[in-house]
N, C-alpha and C. Protein backbone atom coordinates (compact mmCIF):
# COMPACT_ATOMS: atom_id res chain seq x y z
N UNK A 1 0.81 -1.05 -0.14
CA UNK A 1 0.05 -0.07 -0.01
C UNK A 1 0.82 1.23 0.15
N UNK A 2 0.72 2.19 -0.73
CA UNK A 2 1.36 3.44 -0.87
C UNK A 2 0.71 4.29 0.00
N UNK A 3 1.63 5.23 0.46
CA UNK A 3 0.93 6.48 1.11
C UNK A 3 0.77 7.85 0.24
N UNK A 4 -0.25 8.43 0.34
CA UNK A 4 -0.45 9.80 -0.32
C UNK A 4 -0.15 10.71 0.60
N UNK A 5 0.33 11.91 -0.14
CA UNK A 5 0.88 13.14 0.59
C UNK A 5 0.22 14.18 -0.01
N UNK A 6 -0.49 15.05 0.56
CA UNK A 6 -1.00 16.08 0.09
C UNK A 6 -0.17 17.46 0.45
N UNK A 7 0.03 18.30 -0.71
CA UNK A 7 0.66 19.59 -0.66
C UNK A 7 -0.08 20.62 -1.44
N UNK A 8 0.08 21.94 -0.94
CA UNK A 8 -0.62 22.99 -1.77
C UNK A 8 0.05 23.65 -2.43
N UNK A 9 1.38 23.21 -2.73
CA UNK A 9 2.54 23.53 -3.53
C UNK A 9 3.86 23.24 -3.25
N UNK A 10 4.69 23.72 -4.06
CA UNK A 10 6.14 23.87 -3.89
C UNK A 10 6.66 24.91 -3.16
N UNK A 11 7.25 24.74 -2.00
CA UNK A 11 8.05 26.18 -1.52
C UNK A 11 9.30 26.52 -2.18
N UNK A 12 10.12 25.53 -2.14
CA UNK A 12 11.30 25.97 -2.89
C UNK A 12 11.89 24.43 -3.36
N UNK A 13 13.05 24.82 -4.68
CA UNK A 13 13.56 23.64 -5.11
C UNK A 13 15.10 24.28 -5.14
N UNK A 14 15.92 23.51 -4.71
CA UNK A 14 17.38 23.40 -4.47
C UNK A 14 18.02 22.54 -5.14
N UNK A 15 19.08 23.08 -5.98
CA UNK A 15 19.95 22.24 -6.87
C UNK A 15 21.28 22.21 -6.25
N UNK A 16 21.75 21.16 -5.77
CA UNK A 16 23.18 20.95 -5.37
C UNK A 16 23.97 20.05 -6.18
N UNK A 17 24.95 20.46 -7.07
CA UNK A 17 25.16 19.26 -8.09
C UNK A 17 24.49 18.47 -8.74
N UNK A 18 24.54 17.40 -8.59
CA UNK A 18 23.31 16.54 -9.37
C UNK A 18 22.06 16.01 -8.61
N UNK A 19 22.01 16.61 -7.60
CA UNK A 19 21.02 16.28 -6.67
C UNK A 19 19.95 17.51 -6.68
N UNK A 20 18.72 17.25 -6.78
CA UNK A 20 17.65 18.04 -6.88
C UNK A 20 16.78 18.04 -5.63
N UNK A 21 16.65 18.67 -4.71
CA UNK A 21 15.68 18.72 -3.60
C UNK A 21 14.24 19.48 -3.73
N UNK A 22 13.22 19.06 -3.61
CA UNK A 22 12.05 19.88 -3.80
C UNK A 22 11.27 19.71 -2.42
N UNK A 23 11.12 21.06 -1.92
CA UNK A 23 10.36 21.09 -0.51
C UNK A 23 8.75 21.53 -0.73
N UNK A 24 8.08 20.69 -0.37
CA UNK A 24 6.17 20.83 -0.45
C UNK A 24 6.09 21.53 0.82
N UNK A 25 5.19 22.30 0.56
CA UNK A 25 4.42 23.17 1.71
C UNK A 25 2.88 22.73 1.66
N UNK A 26 2.35 22.95 2.76
CA UNK A 26 0.73 23.23 2.82
C UNK A 26 0.49 24.74 3.50
N UNK A 27 -0.78 25.10 3.53
CA UNK A 27 -1.06 26.27 4.13
C UNK A 27 -1.56 25.96 5.50
N UNK A 28 -0.93 26.70 6.52
CA UNK A 28 -1.38 26.72 7.91
C UNK A 28 -2.78 26.97 8.20
N UNK A 29 -3.43 26.41 8.79
CA UNK A 29 -4.81 26.94 9.45
C UNK A 29 -4.45 27.73 10.49
N UNK A 30 -3.45 27.64 10.90
CA UNK A 30 -3.53 28.71 12.29
C UNK A 30 -2.38 29.90 11.94
N UNK A 31 -1.24 29.54 11.60
CA UNK A 31 -0.22 30.39 11.64
C UNK A 31 -0.58 31.43 10.12
N UNK A 32 -0.34 32.69 10.38
CA UNK A 32 -0.67 33.82 9.32
C UNK A 32 0.69 34.49 9.01
N UNK A 33 0.62 34.91 7.68
CA UNK A 33 1.77 35.71 7.45
C UNK A 33 1.44 37.28 7.81
N UNK A 34 2.29 38.21 7.46
CA UNK A 34 2.40 39.64 7.68
C UNK A 34 1.02 40.26 7.25
N UNK A 35 0.81 39.56 6.14
CA UNK A 35 -0.50 40.11 5.13
C UNK A 35 -1.56 39.64 5.71
N UNK A 36 -1.77 38.63 6.50
CA UNK A 36 -2.90 37.97 7.27
C UNK A 36 -3.30 36.67 6.37
N UNK A 37 -2.33 36.32 5.12
CA UNK A 37 -2.81 35.29 4.66
C UNK A 37 -2.49 34.22 5.30
N UNK A 38 -2.77 32.94 5.20
CA UNK A 38 -2.17 31.45 5.86
C UNK A 38 -0.60 31.43 5.54
N UNK A 39 -0.04 30.99 6.29
CA UNK A 39 1.50 30.82 6.20
C UNK A 39 1.70 29.51 5.58
N UNK A 40 2.68 29.41 4.62
CA UNK A 40 3.02 28.18 3.94
C UNK A 40 4.28 27.54 5.08
N UNK A 41 3.94 26.31 5.29
CA UNK A 41 4.53 25.39 6.24
C UNK A 41 5.06 24.34 5.38
N UNK A 42 6.72 23.99 5.58
CA UNK A 42 7.36 22.91 5.15
C UNK A 42 6.51 21.59 5.65
N UNK A 43 6.48 20.51 4.63
CA UNK A 43 5.42 19.29 5.12
C UNK A 43 6.38 18.16 4.47
N UNK A 44 7.25 18.28 3.48
CA UNK A 44 7.85 17.08 2.79
C UNK A 44 8.78 17.27 2.01
N UNK A 45 9.98 16.72 1.69
CA UNK A 45 11.02 16.85 0.67
C UNK A 45 11.50 15.58 -0.17
N UNK A 46 11.18 16.11 -1.39
CA UNK A 46 11.60 14.73 -2.01
C UNK A 46 13.05 14.96 -2.96
N UNK A 47 13.88 14.18 -2.63
CA UNK A 47 15.31 14.43 -3.26
C UNK A 47 15.43 13.32 -4.57
N UNK A 48 15.73 13.74 -5.46
CA UNK A 48 16.19 12.88 -6.65
C UNK A 48 17.43 13.37 -7.54
N UNK A 49 17.80 12.42 -8.34
CA UNK A 49 19.04 12.98 -9.21
C UNK A 49 18.52 13.82 -10.24
N UNK A 50 19.27 14.93 -10.64
CA UNK A 50 19.08 15.76 -11.95
C UNK A 50 18.39 14.91 -13.06
N UNK A 51 18.72 14.03 -13.22
CA UNK A 51 18.09 13.09 -14.66
C UNK A 51 16.65 12.85 -14.43
N UNK A 52 16.48 12.60 -13.05
CA UNK A 52 15.25 12.19 -12.56
C UNK A 52 14.14 13.38 -12.51
N UNK A 53 14.81 14.15 -12.15
CA UNK A 53 14.09 15.76 -12.18
C UNK A 53 13.84 16.22 -13.72
N UNK A 54 14.66 16.17 -14.52
CA UNK A 54 14.64 16.61 -15.81
C UNK A 54 13.73 15.62 -16.58
N UNK A 55 13.54 14.07 -16.33
CA UNK A 55 12.51 13.53 -16.86
C UNK A 55 10.92 13.81 -16.30
N UNK A 56 10.82 14.06 -14.90
CA UNK A 56 9.41 14.56 -14.31
C UNK A 56 9.07 15.95 -15.06
N UNK A 57 10.00 16.64 -15.53
CA UNK A 57 9.47 18.09 -16.04
C UNK A 57 8.71 17.65 -17.55
N UNK A 58 9.30 16.62 -18.01
CA UNK A 58 8.59 16.18 -19.19
C UNK A 58 7.07 15.77 -18.95
N UNK A 59 6.83 14.55 -18.16
CA UNK A 59 5.62 14.50 -17.54
C UNK A 59 4.78 15.54 -17.35
N UNK A 60 5.46 16.23 -16.51
CA UNK A 60 4.49 17.50 -16.12
C UNK A 60 4.03 18.45 -17.46
N UNK A 61 4.83 18.46 -18.31
CA UNK A 61 4.67 18.89 -19.45
C UNK A 61 3.51 18.42 -20.42
N UNK A 62 3.70 17.08 -20.31
CA UNK A 62 2.45 16.16 -20.58
C UNK A 62 0.92 16.35 -20.18
N UNK A 63 1.08 16.49 -18.69
CA UNK A 63 -0.13 16.53 -17.99
C UNK A 63 -0.44 17.93 -18.39
N UNK A 64 0.08 18.97 -18.44
CA UNK A 64 -0.07 20.43 -18.68
C UNK A 64 -1.03 20.47 -20.21
N UNK A 65 -0.41 19.88 -20.84
CA UNK A 65 -0.67 19.75 -22.23
C UNK A 65 -2.23 19.08 -22.48
N UNK A 66 -2.24 18.21 -21.68
CA UNK A 66 -3.57 17.41 -21.64
C UNK A 66 -4.55 18.58 -20.86
N UNK A 67 -4.28 19.03 -20.04
CA UNK A 67 -5.35 19.97 -19.12
C UNK A 67 -5.57 21.10 -19.94
N UNK A 68 -4.67 21.46 -20.91
CA UNK A 68 -4.96 22.76 -22.12
C UNK A 68 -5.96 22.08 -23.03
N UNK A 69 -5.53 20.87 -23.49
CA UNK A 69 -6.76 20.35 -24.62
C UNK A 69 -7.97 20.22 -24.17
N UNK A 70 -8.12 19.50 -22.90
CA UNK A 70 -9.32 19.46 -22.08
C UNK A 70 -10.23 20.46 -21.59
N UNK A 71 -9.64 21.73 -22.07
CA UNK A 71 -10.15 23.11 -21.64
C UNK A 71 -10.33 23.37 -20.03
N UNK A 72 -9.34 22.83 -19.12
CA UNK A 72 -9.27 22.86 -17.81
C UNK A 72 -8.35 24.13 -17.62
N UNK A 73 -7.48 24.30 -18.37
CA UNK A 73 -6.46 25.36 -18.31
C UNK A 73 -6.62 26.09 -19.48
N UNK A 74 -6.06 27.28 -19.35
CA UNK A 74 -5.92 28.45 -20.51
C UNK A 74 -4.36 28.57 -20.57
N UNK A 75 -3.97 28.40 -21.94
CA UNK A 75 -2.66 28.84 -22.06
C UNK A 75 -2.30 30.38 -22.25
N UNK A 76 -1.17 30.43 -21.38
CA UNK A 76 -1.01 31.93 -21.02
C UNK A 76 -0.19 32.24 -22.18
N UNK A 77 -0.51 33.44 -22.95
CA UNK A 77 0.50 33.72 -24.03
C UNK A 77 1.65 34.34 -23.61
N UNK A 78 2.71 34.87 -24.28
CA UNK A 78 4.08 35.07 -23.91
C UNK A 78 4.03 36.35 -23.03
N UNK A 79 2.93 36.26 -22.04
CA UNK A 79 3.03 37.57 -21.10
C UNK A 79 4.15 37.13 -20.07
N UNK A 80 4.77 38.32 -19.53
CA UNK A 80 5.91 38.06 -18.47
C UNK A 80 5.54 37.29 -17.55
N UNK A 81 6.15 36.21 -16.91
CA UNK A 81 5.93 35.34 -15.94
C UNK A 81 6.51 36.04 -14.73
N UNK A 82 5.54 35.78 -13.44
CA UNK A 82 6.09 36.42 -12.37
C UNK A 82 7.30 35.86 -11.79
N UNK A 83 8.05 36.76 -11.28
CA UNK A 83 9.50 36.21 -10.71
C UNK A 83 9.11 35.10 -9.33
N UNK A 84 9.99 34.07 -9.29
CA UNK A 84 9.66 33.30 -8.22
C UNK A 84 10.30 33.90 -7.13
N UNK A 85 9.37 33.55 -6.04
CA UNK A 85 9.90 34.01 -4.50
C UNK A 85 9.82 32.83 -3.75
N UNK A 86 10.30 33.09 -2.52
CA UNK A 86 10.54 32.14 -1.41
C UNK A 86 9.17 32.20 -0.73
N UNK A 87 8.30 33.12 -1.04
CA UNK A 87 7.03 33.25 -0.17
C UNK A 87 6.00 32.42 -0.89
N UNK A 88 5.17 31.63 -0.45
CA UNK A 88 4.17 31.06 -1.03
C UNK A 88 3.02 31.25 -0.73
N UNK A 89 1.91 31.42 -1.09
CA UNK A 89 1.87 31.00 -2.64
C UNK A 89 1.93 31.77 -3.55
């Protein structure tokens, strides 16, 4: 039996040499940030080789494409993307 882990998102991705660490976070029902929004709390880390991470990107791209084709997501035009930040969400 496998265990499922819920995450509201990724808090940080760290790359050291050929190892990728992905930190998953969930929004706290209790702790709030300075803006009054729920604070992102570290929950779980996945550590994988760079090769596995790159393979995962391809799988995520396929899933994203399927969601766009199904009309569940809209493709964003070449609009500027928001800069990644250590603050989630």
